[in-house]
C-alpha atoms as a PDB file:
ATOM      1  CA  MET A   1     -78.258 -89.350  40.194  1.00  0.00           C
ATOM      2  CA  ARG A   2     -76.185 -89.306  43.372  1.00  0.00           C
ATOM      3  CA  SER A   3     -77.796 -90.494  46.564  1.00  0.00           C
ATOM      4  CA  PRO A   4     -77.892 -87.926  49.363  1.00  0.00           C
ATOM      5  CA  ARG A   5     -75.145 -88.081  51.971  1.00  0.00           C
ATOM      6  CA  ARG A   6     -76.118 -90.132  54.988  1.00  0.00           C
ATOM      7  CA  CYS A   7     -75.446 -89.658  58.680  1.00  0.00           C
ATOM      8  CA  SER A   8     -72.030 -90.989  59.704  1.00  0.00           C
ATOM      9  CA  ARG A   9     -73.344 -92.559  62.919  1.00  0.00           C
ATOM     10  CA  ASN A  10     -73.361 -96.360  62.726  1.00  0.00           C
ATOM     11  CA  GLY A  11     -76.738 -97.753  61.735  1.00  0.00           C
ATOM     12  CA  CYS A  12     -78.369 -94.369  61.141  1.00  0.00           C
ATOM     13  CA  PRO A  13     -80.212 -94.268  57.788  1.00  0.00           C
ATOM     14  CA  ARG A  14     -81.136 -90.557  57.935  1.00  0.00           C
ATOM     15  CA  GLN A  15     -79.969 -87.905  55.469  1.00  0.00           C
ATOM     16  CA  ALA A  16     -77.104 -85.713  56.685  1.00  0.00           C
ATOM     17  CA  VAL A  17     -77.857 -82.022  57.297  1.00  0.00           C
ATOM     18  CA  ALA A  18     -74.829 -81.022  59.396  1.00  0.00           C
ATOM     19  CA  THR A  19     -71.057 -81.489  59.451  1.00  0.00           C
ATOM     20  CA  LEU A  20     -69.031 -82.218  62.582  1.00  0.00           C
ATOM     21  CA  THR A  21     -65.419 -81.108  62.693  1.00  0.00           C
ATOM     22  CA  TYR A  22     -63.018 -81.607  65.593  1.00  0.00           C
ATOM     23  CA  VAL A  23     -60.487 -78.858  66.304  1.00  0.00           C
ATOM     24  CA  TYR A  24     -58.058 -80.902  68.372  1.00  0.00           C
ATOM     25  CA  ASN A  25     -55.628 -78.139  69.377  1.00  0.00           C
ATOM     26  CA  GLU A  26     -58.556 -76.149  70.854  1.00  0.00           C
ATOM     27  CA  SER A  27     -60.451 -79.163  72.292  1.00  0.00           C
ATOM     28  CA  THR A  28     -63.546 -78.098  70.374  1.00  0.00           C
ATOM     29  CA  ALA A  29     -66.191 -79.946  68.385  1.00  0.00           C
ATOM     30  CA  VAL A  30     -67.872 -77.745  65.764  1.00  0.00           C
ATOM     31  CA  VAL A  31     -71.299 -78.704  64.390  1.00  0.00           C
ATOM     32  CA  GLY A  32     -72.335 -76.550  61.433  1.00  0.00           C
ATOM     33  CA  PRO A  33     -74.399 -76.717  58.266  1.00  0.00           C
ATOM     34  CA  LEU A  34     -73.606 -79.538  55.872  1.00  0.00           C
ATOM     35  CA  ALA A  35     -70.344 -78.867  54.051  1.00  0.00           C
ATOM     36  CA  ALA A  36     -70.512 -78.651  50.270  1.00  0.00           C
ATOM     37  CA  PHE A  37     -68.194 -81.652  49.929  1.00  0.00           C
ATOM     38  CA  ALA A  38     -67.472 -84.620  52.189  1.00  0.00           C
ATOM     39  CA  GLU A  39     -64.003 -84.211  53.698  1.00  0.00           C
ATOM     40  CA  PRO A  40     -61.909 -87.082  55.096  1.00  0.00           C
ATOM     41  CA  HIS A  41     -61.651 -85.726  58.660  1.00  0.00           C
ATOM     42  CA  THR A  42     -65.227 -84.536  59.111  1.00  0.00           C
ATOM     43  CA  TYR A  43     -68.439 -86.375  59.892  1.00  0.00           C
ATOM     44  CA  ASP A  44     -71.867 -85.846  58.358  1.00  0.00           C
ATOM     45  CA  LEU A  45     -74.738 -85.928  60.853  1.00  0.00           C
ATOM     46  CA  CYS A  46     -78.528 -86.033  60.659  1.00  0.00           C
ATOM     47  CA  GLU A  47     -80.469 -83.424  62.630  1.00  0.00           C
ATOM     48  CA  PRO A  48     -81.152 -85.568  65.747  1.00  0.00           C
ATOM     49  CA  HIS A  49     -77.481 -86.538  66.041  1.00  0.00           C
ATOM     50  CA  ALA A  50     -76.296 -82.970  65.328  1.00  0.00           C
ATOM     51  CA  ARG A  51     -78.572 -81.600  68.067  1.00  0.00           C
ATOM     52  CA  SER A  52     -77.725 -84.262  70.668  1.00  0.00           C
ATOM     53  CA  LEU A  53     -73.955 -84.463  70.152  1.00  0.00           C
ATOM     54  CA  THR A  54     -71.897 -84.241  73.314  1.00  0.00           C
ATOM     55  CA  ALA A  55     -68.130 -83.809  73.506  1.00  0.00           C
ATOM     56  CA  PRO A  56     -65.610 -85.491  75.783  1.00  0.00           C
ATOM     57  CA  ARG A  57     -65.040 -84.004  79.218  1.00  0.00           C
ATOM     58  CA  GLY A  58     -62.983 -80.832  78.937  1.00  0.00           C
ATOM     59  CA  TRP A  59     -64.066 -80.186  75.348  1.00  0.00           C
ATOM     60  CA  GLU A  60     -66.420 -77.456  74.132  1.00  0.00           C
ATOM     61  CA  VAL A  61     -69.173 -77.940  71.560  1.00  0.00           C
ATOM     62  CA  VAL A  62     -69.808 -75.039  69.179  1.00  0.00           C
ATOM     63  CA  ARG A  63     -73.145 -75.633  67.480  1.00  0.00           C
ATOM     64  CA  HIS A  64     -74.866 -73.849  64.596  1.00  0.00           C
ATOM     65  CA  GLU A  65     -77.722 -71.698  65.896  1.00  0.00           C
ATOM     66  CA  GLY A  66     -80.764 -72.126  63.711  1.00  0.00           C
ATOM     67  CA  GLU A  67     -82.272 -74.764  61.504  1.00  0.00           C
ATOM     68  CA  PHE A  68     -80.291 -77.436  59.713  1.00  0.00           C
ATOM     69  CA  GLU A  69     -81.597 -77.569  56.163  1.00  0.00           C
ATOM     70  CA  PRO A  70     -81.106 -80.471  53.760  1.00  0.00           C
ATOM     71  CA  PRO A  71     -78.820 -79.438  50.918  1.00  0.00           C
ATOM     72  CA  PRO A  72     -80.473 -78.218  47.723  1.00  0.00           C
ATOM     73  CA  PRO A  73     -80.238 -80.484  44.681  1.00  0.00           C
ATOM     74  CA  THR A  74     -77.023 -80.051  42.764  1.00  0.00           C
ATOM     75  CA  THR A  75     -76.899 -79.214  39.071  1.00  0.00           C
ATOM     76  CA  ASP A  76     -75.911 -82.850  38.420  1.00  0.00           C
ATOM     77  CA  ASP A  77     -79.052 -84.027  40.220  1.00  0.00           C
ATOM     78  CA  LEU A  78     -81.260 -81.683  38.194  1.00  0.00           C
ATOM     79  CA  VAL A  79     -79.677 -82.747  34.889  1.00  0.00           C
ATOM     80  CA  ALA A  80     -80.139 -86.417  35.785  1.00  0.00           C
ATOM     81  CA  LEU A  81     -83.815 -85.803  36.570  1.00  0.00           C
ATOM     82  CA  ALA A  82     -84.328 -83.917  33.312  1.00  0.00           C
ATOM     83  CA  GLU A  83     -82.706 -86.720  31.311  1.00  0.00           C
ATOM     84  CA  ALA A  84     -84.731 -89.473  33.022  1.00  0.00           C
END
């Protein structure tokens, strides 16, 4: 069974519930629900880090309004549990 994705912040052991994406040409940081797949130029964040993220001066932060939910188990996770 896969382990859940962890927060990208150094030393943070929490499970990721949000994805941070930088839109450089618009000077915007976007924090939304956890993406289905980890992408090379995005960052997974736990709820405290997703809520407290600040952007560099002159940048805008666009943040998901609502609760960040942990991802549901994948089919692979359920099959692994059933086979255990």
